[in-house]
Amino acid sequence: MYQRSRLAGILGCAATLAMVGCASSSGVSPLGGATATQQSGSMIPAGREWIYSGGVLYHTPHYMPTRQNASKVRQTIALSYGGGEVLVAPKVYLIAWGFKAYGDPSKVKKLLRRYDRYIGGSGHNNIYTQYYMKSGGSTIYITNPSNQDGGEWNDNTTPVPTHPTDGQVAQEALNGVAHFGYDPNGSYVVATPTQHSSQGFGSVWCAYHSATTYNGKYVSYTNLPYMPDAGANCGANIITAPPDESGTDEGVTIVEGHELGESITDPVPFSGWNSSYGEIGDLCAWINIQNDAFGPKSYTSQPMWSNASSSCVHTYP
């Protein structure tokens, strides 16, 4: 996600933004759970973007910028394949972390559950079927199954810090894997409740996706803060809302759609599909927002990049 040079400038380790980048990845302690013991320093993949701290292994996050920080791509480009894995049969696992204790005034959890139930088989999610991975000499294309809802887990026992660190979010994703089971095609979404979001949310970025490992296998996960808390910076009232959501929570489906598309096509950044300007969602972030049909429902969404047409599209083919 996000143009790498710009991300380095905005989310790097400069003193004013250290809370978002380097500072959040140092000295992290997991919140607990058996999954922490499954990580070890020997499992760290090659590459400087992997961090092992406090018993948790995770990739440096890759952010979706806020509306004011988004880059606009104004040239013909193409996503290129980095040789890594993609999610060929996507499934979304929602981890509702602490919503009962800390509140959900905009009913975000309910919206996410409906969204997850209807995205499968949609024209929007069909965009990803033009992308593939190579494995054992075979080319395996991403599919768009009708059921992509892996279920919901309400974690009401693990306390949510006021500002969860990157390591704590990765640990909660692993707690979710332990609950649901490991799915190599899973996108594990850590949704945090109102007023409990990682630092930098709403002012610099709206969400991020990253990767961790579980028993030596990659896990794609998303840090999805409480989008209504950021207001217009992360999509509230960006257009007239469809009947299936309110203007206040339009950012929920815009941002989760962005992160899901990037988790599917580039689950371990940047080993899947990406470019020097970012991933499939970055190239189209915050432009041409529409209310897209997902079966009988409609949700506010951004377009995603299509290599087939070298443009941002809402459906494919």
Protein backbone atom coordinates (compact mmCIF):
# COMPACT_ATOMS: atom_id res chain seq x y z
CA MET A 1 0.00 0.00 0.00
CA TYR A 2 0.96 3.57 -0.58
CA GLN A 3 3.75 5.04 -2.62
CA ARG A 4 6.88 3.84 -0.87
CA SER A 5 8.90 7.04 -1.09
CA ARG A 6 5.97 9.10 0.17
CA LEU A 7 5.28 6.62 2.95
CA ALA A 8 8.87 6.89 4.07
CA GLY A 9 8.52 10.65 4.22
CA ILE A 10 5.17 10.70 6.02
CA LEU A 11 5.35 7.58 8.18
CA GLY A 12 9.09 7.22 8.69
CA CYS A 13 11.05 7.65 11.87
CA ALA A 14 11.15 11.42 11.87
CA ALA A 15 10.58 12.72 15.34
CA THR A 16 7.14 14.11 14.63
CA LEU A 17 5.82 10.80 13.30
CA ALA A 18 7.88 8.23 15.17
CA MET A 19 4.75 7.13 16.94
CA VAL A 20 3.44 5.71 13.66
CA GLY A 21 6.57 4.04 12.36
CA CYS A 22 9.66 2.93 14.23
CA ALA A 23 8.58 3.77 17.75
CA SER A 24 5.53 1.55 17.51
CA SER A 25 7.62 -1.47 16.55
CA SER A 26 10.15 -1.36 19.36
CA GLY A 27 9.77 -2.85 22.81
CA VAL A 28 6.40 -4.32 22.00
CA SER A 29 4.98 -6.88 24.41
CA PRO A 30 2.18 -9.22 23.30
CA LEU A 31 -1.09 -9.00 25.15
CA GLY A 32 -1.05 -12.66 25.98
CA GLY A 33 -2.42 -15.89 24.55
CA ALA A 34 -0.87 -19.18 23.52
CA THR A 35 0.00 -17.95 20.05
CA ALA A 36 2.84 -15.82 21.36
CA THR A 37 4.84 -18.91 22.19
CA GLN A 38 4.62 -20.10 18.59
CA GLN A 39 6.86 -17.28 17.37
CA SER A 40 10.64 -17.42 17.50
CA GLY A 41 13.53 -15.39 16.17
CA SER A 42 14.57 -18.25 13.90
CA MET A 43 11.30 -17.86 11.98
CA ILE A 44 12.01 -14.32 10.81
CA PRO A 45 11.95 -14.22 6.99
CA ALA A 46 14.74 -12.48 5.12
CA GLY A 47 14.22 -8.76 4.59
CA ARG A 48 14.60 -5.61 6.59
CA GLU A 49 10.84 -4.98 6.72
CA TRP A 50 10.23 -7.88 9.12
CA ILE A 51 10.23 -7.10 12.83
CA TYR A 52 10.51 -9.57 15.72
CA SER A 53 9.76 -7.94 19.03
CA GLY A 54 8.24 -9.06 22.32
CA GLY A 55 7.48 -12.54 21.01
CA VAL A 56 5.56 -11.33 17.93
CA LEU A 57 6.79 -11.44 14.36
CA TYR A 58 5.18 -9.02 11.90
CA HIS A 59 5.86 -7.13 8.71
CA THR A 60 6.21 -3.36 8.71
CA PRO A 61 2.66 -2.07 8.10
CA HIS A 62 1.63 -0.62 4.74
CA TYR A 63 -0.88 2.14 5.12
CA MET A 64 -3.91 3.53 3.35
CA PRO A 65 -3.49 7.30 3.54
CA THR A 66 -6.17 9.72 4.64
CA ARG A 67 -7.89 11.74 1.93
CA GLN A 68 -5.54 14.69 2.31
CA ASN A 69 -2.42 12.51 2.16
CA ALA A 70 -3.38 10.42 -0.88
CA SER A 71 -1.21 10.52 -3.99
CA LYS A 72 -2.85 10.84 -7.38
CA VAL A 73 -1.37 8.67 -10.13
CA ARG A 74 -1.57 10.49 -13.46
CA GLN A 75 0.24 8.14 -15.80
CA THR A 76 -0.21 4.73 -17.33
CA ILE A 77 1.38 2.05 -15.19
CA ALA A 78 0.93 -1.64 -14.48
CA LEU A 79 1.12 -3.72 -11.35
CA SER A 80 3.94 -6.23 -11.50
CA TYR A 81 4.15 -9.63 -9.84
CA GLY A 82 6.82 -10.12 -7.20
CA GLY A 83 6.75 -13.92 -7.17
CA GLY A 84 4.99 -14.39 -3.84
CA GLU A 85 1.67 -15.78 -2.69
CA VAL A 86 -1.80 -14.31 -3.20
CA LEU A 87 -5.12 -15.31 -1.61
CA VAL A 88 -6.53 -17.49 -4.39
CA ALA A 89 -9.80 -18.34 -2.57
CA PRO A 90 -10.30 -15.33 -0.28
CA LYS A 91 -12.04 -15.59 3.07
CA VAL A 92 -12.56 -12.74 5.57
CA TYR A 93 -12.36 -13.40 9.31
CA LEU A 94 -13.64 -10.53 11.44
CA ILE A 95 -12.04 -10.07 14.86
CA ALA A 96 -14.20 -7.58 16.79
CA TRP A 97 -11.76 -6.61 19.51
CA GLY A 98 -13.34 -5.18 22.66
CA PHE A 99 -16.50 -3.76 21.07
CA LYS A 100 -18.65 -4.86 24.01
CA ALA A 101 -16.45 -3.11 26.57
CA TYR A 102 -15.62 0.08 24.68
CA GLY A 103 -18.64 0.66 22.47
CA ASP A 104 -19.85 0.72 18.89
CA PRO A 105 -22.08 3.81 18.58
CA SER A 106 -22.19 3.71 14.76
CA LYS A 107 -22.88 -0.04 14.58
CA VAL A 108 -19.70 -0.66 12.61
CA LYS A 109 -19.53 -4.34 13.55
CA LYS A 110 -22.98 -5.00 12.12
CA LEU A 111 -22.07 -3.21 8.88
CA LEU A 112 -18.85 -5.20 8.51
CA ARG A 113 -20.71 -8.47 9.03
CA ARG A 114 -23.23 -7.59 6.31
CA TYR A 115 -20.47 -6.42 4.00
CA ASP A 116 -18.51 -9.65 4.44
CA ARG A 117 -21.60 -11.71 3.63
CA TYR A 118 -22.29 -9.99 0.31
CA ILE A 119 -18.90 -9.20 -1.25
CA GLY A 120 -18.33 -12.71 -2.60
CA GLY A 121 -19.10 -13.15 -6.29
CA SER A 122 -19.56 -9.41 -6.82
CA GLY A 123 -18.39 -7.57 -9.92
CA HIS A 124 -16.17 -5.44 -7.69
CA ASN A 125 -14.33 -8.41 -6.21
CA ASN A 126 -14.07 -9.93 -9.67
CA ILE A 127 -11.38 -7.31 -10.36
CA TYR A 128 -8.91 -9.50 -8.49
CA THR A 129 -9.42 -12.50 -10.78
CA GLN A 130 -7.08 -11.03 -13.41
CA TYR A 131 -4.17 -11.49 -10.97
CA TYR A 132 -2.40 -14.72 -10.12
CA MET A 133 0.52 -16.42 -8.41
CA LYS A 134 3.13 -18.90 -9.61
CA SER A 135 3.55 -22.13 -7.67
CA GLY A 136 5.45 -25.26 -8.69
CA GLY A 137 5.50 -24.21 -12.32
CA SER A 138 1.75 -23.54 -12.35
CA THR A 139 -0.09 -20.26 -12.74
CA ILE A 140 -2.96 -20.05 -10.25
CA TYR A 141 -5.46 -17.21 -10.68
CA ILE A 142 -7.36 -15.58 -7.83
CA THR A 143 -10.99 -16.71 -7.65
CA ASN A 144 -14.12 -14.89 -6.51
CA PRO A 145 -16.18 -17.43 -4.53
CA SER A 146 -19.73 -16.51 -3.58
CA ASN A 147 -19.09 -17.09 0.13
CA GLN A 148 -16.13 -15.10 1.44
CA ASP A 149 -17.45 -14.67 4.99
CA GLY A 150 -15.30 -16.66 7.40
CA GLY A 151 -17.23 -15.56 10.48
CA GLU A 152 -16.99 -13.19 13.42
CA TRP A 153 -15.19 -13.55 16.72
CA ASN A 154 -16.04 -11.15 19.52
CA ASP A 155 -12.93 -10.96 21.66
CA ASN A 156 -14.31 -9.47 24.85
CA THR A 157 -11.60 -10.84 27.14
CA THR A 158 -8.38 -9.27 25.83
CA PRO A 159 -8.15 -5.59 26.88
CA VAL A 160 -7.73 -3.09 24.05
CA PRO A 161 -5.06 -0.44 24.69
CA THR A 162 -6.08 3.14 24.01
CA HIS A 163 -3.51 3.16 21.21
CA PRO A 164 -2.64 -0.43 20.21
CA THR A 165 0.88 -0.83 18.86
CA ASP A 166 1.66 -2.65 15.65
CA GLY A 167 2.87 -5.64 17.65
CA GLN A 168 -0.29 -5.74 19.74
CA VAL A 169 -2.46 -5.69 16.62
CA ALA A 170 -0.38 -8.51 15.11
CA GLN A 171 -0.83 -10.48 18.34
CA GLU A 172 -4.59 -9.99 18.21
CA ALA A 173 -4.59 -11.25 14.62
CA LEU A 174 -2.79 -14.37 15.87
CA ASN A 175 -5.36 -14.72 18.64
CA GLY A 176 -7.96 -14.69 15.88
CA VAL A 177 -6.11 -17.38 13.96
CA ALA A 178 -6.05 -19.50 17.10
CA HIS A 179 -9.82 -19.02 17.42
CA PHE A 180 -10.86 -19.55 13.79
CA GLY A 181 -8.08 -21.89 12.72
CA TYR A 182 -5.39 -21.17 10.17
CA ASP A 183 -6.57 -20.43 6.63
CA PRO A 184 -3.83 -19.79 4.04
CA ASN A 185 -6.41 -17.78 2.05
CA GLY A 186 -7.66 -15.85 5.08
CA SER A 187 -7.71 -12.11 5.55
CA TYR A 188 -7.88 -11.65 9.34
CA VAL A 189 -9.41 -8.24 10.09
CA VAL A 190 -8.68 -6.77 13.52
CA ALA A 191 -11.43 -4.18 14.04
CA THR A 192 -10.91 -1.92 17.05
CA PRO A 193 -13.69 -0.09 18.91
CA THR A 194 -14.35 3.62 19.15
CA GLN A 195 -11.57 5.73 20.69
CA HIS A 196 -9.13 2.78 20.70
CA SER A 197 -7.10 3.17 17.52
CA SER A 198 -3.38 2.99 16.77
CA GLN A 199 -1.57 6.32 16.74
CA GLY A 200 -1.60 8.18 13.45
CA PHE A 201 -5.10 7.00 12.59
CA GLY A 202 -7.27 9.70 11.10
CA SER A 203 -4.53 12.29 10.78
CA VAL A 204 -2.07 10.39 8.55
CA TRP A 205 -3.62 7.03 7.68
CA CYS A 206 -6.98 5.23 7.79
CA ALA A 207 -5.96 1.55 8.01
CA TYR A 208 -3.17 -0.83 7.10
CA HIS A 209 -2.56 -4.40 6.15
CA SER A 210 0.45 -6.47 7.07
CA ALA A 211 1.56 -10.05 7.64
CA THR A 212 2.66 -12.19 10.54
CA THR A 213 3.38 -15.91 10.85
CA TYR A 214 1.58 -18.82 12.53
CA ASN A 215 3.50 -22.06 12.91
CA GLY A 216 5.86 -20.85 10.20
CA LYS A 217 3.12 -19.93 7.72
CA TYR A 218 2.14 -16.46 6.56
CA VAL A 219 -0.98 -14.76 7.92
CA SER A 220 -2.43 -11.71 6.18
CA TYR A 221 -4.15 -9.30 8.55
CA THR A 222 -5.63 -5.81 8.63
CA ASN A 223 -5.65 -3.16 11.32
CA LEU A 224 -9.09 -1.56 10.83
CA PRO A 225 -9.66 1.29 13.31
CA TYR A 226 -13.07 2.72 14.11
CA MET A 227 -13.58 4.71 10.92
CA PRO A 228 -16.36 7.09 12.09
CA ASP A 229 -13.91 8.48 14.68
CA ALA A 230 -11.88 10.00 11.80
CA GLY A 231 -14.85 11.67 10.14
CA ALA A 232 -14.31 13.04 6.63
CA ASN A 233 -10.57 12.30 6.73
CA CYS A 234 -11.41 8.61 6.29
CA GLY A 235 -14.53 8.81 4.16
CA ALA A 236 -17.51 9.92 6.22
CA ASN A 237 -20.19 11.61 4.08
CA ILE A 238 -17.96 11.50 1.01
CA ILE A 239 -20.97 10.97 -1.29
CA THR A 240 -24.67 10.33 -0.79
CA ALA A 241 -24.80 7.08 1.14
CA PRO A 242 -26.64 4.04 -0.23
CA PRO A 243 -29.65 2.68 1.71
CA ASP A 244 -27.55 -0.09 3.25
CA GLU A 245 -25.24 2.23 5.22
CA SER A 246 -25.17 5.77 6.61
CA GLY A 247 -23.00 8.70 5.57
CA THR A 248 -21.20 8.51 8.91
CA ASP A 249 -19.87 5.02 8.23
CA GLU A 250 -19.18 5.19 4.47
CA GLY A 251 -15.48 5.08 5.27
CA VAL A 252 -15.90 1.63 6.81
CA THR A 253 -16.66 -0.06 3.49
CA ILE A 254 -14.35 2.16 1.43
CA VAL A 255 -11.36 1.43 3.65
CA GLU A 256 -12.06 -2.24 4.32
CA GLY A 257 -12.59 -2.78 0.59
CA HIS A 258 -9.23 -1.12 -0.09
CA GLU A 259 -7.43 -3.24 2.49
CA LEU A 260 -9.14 -6.47 1.48
CA GLY A 261 -8.16 -6.00 -2.16
CA GLU A 262 -4.56 -5.43 -1.18
CA SER A 263 -4.57 -8.37 1.23
CA ILE A 264 -5.84 -10.60 -1.58
CA THR A 265 -3.36 -9.46 -4.24
CA ASP A 266 -0.36 -8.66 -2.03
CA PRO A 267 -0.79 -10.44 1.33
CA VAL A 268 2.91 -10.19 2.23
CA PRO A 269 3.94 -6.76 0.96
CA PHE A 270 5.58 -6.37 -1.51
CA SER A 271 5.86 -9.94 -2.72
CA GLY A 272 2.58 -10.07 -4.65
CA TRP A 273 1.18 -7.46 -7.04
CA ASN A 274 2.47 -3.91 -6.61
CA SER A 275 4.16 -1.00 -8.31
CA SER A 276 6.44 1.89 -7.42
CA TYR A 277 3.24 3.86 -6.75
CA GLY A 278 1.76 1.28 -4.41
CA GLU A 279 -0.64 -1.64 -4.48
CA ILE A 280 -3.96 -2.26 -6.22
CA GLY A 281 -5.92 0.06 -3.93
CA ASP A 282 -3.34 2.83 -3.58
CA LEU A 283 -3.45 3.69 -7.26
CA CYS A 284 -7.14 4.52 -6.95
CA ALA A 285 -7.42 5.77 -3.36
CA TRP A 286 -10.09 8.41 -2.73
CA ILE A 287 -10.99 8.95 -6.40
CA ASN A 288 -14.27 8.20 -8.21
CA ILE A 289 -16.01 6.90 -5.08
CA GLN A 290 -19.31 5.17 -5.91
CA ASN A 291 -22.05 3.06 -4.35
CA ASP A 292 -21.40 -0.42 -5.74
CA ALA A 293 -23.83 -3.32 -5.90
CA PHE A 294 -22.94 -6.42 -3.90
CA GLY A 295 -25.77 -8.80 -4.63
CA PRO A 296 -28.96 -7.30 -3.17
CA LYS A 297 -26.98 -4.76 -1.11
CA SER A 298 -24.97 -1.67 -2.06
CA TYR A 299 -21.98 -0.17 -0.28
CA THR A 300 -19.75 2.84 -0.83
CA SER A 301 -16.50 1.77 -2.46
CA GLN A 302 -13.41 3.02 -4.20
CA PRO A 303 -12.32 1.61 -7.56
CA MET A 304 -9.33 -0.73 -7.79
CA TRP A 305 -6.56 -0.89 -10.36
CA SER A 306 -7.07 -3.07 -13.42
CA ASN A 307 -4.02 -4.08 -15.43
CA ALA A 308 -6.38 -5.17 -18.20
CA SER A 309 -7.54 -1.61 -18.85
CA SER A 310 -4.71 0.33 -17.16
CA SER A 311 -7.30 2.22 -15.16
CA CYS A 312 -9.26 2.38 -11.93
CA VAL A 313 -12.43 0.31 -12.22
CA HIS A 314 -15.39 -0.62 -10.04
CA THR A 315 -16.09 -3.92 -11.79
CA TYR A 316 -14.44 -6.51 -14.05
CA PRO A 317 -14.55 -7.62 -16.79
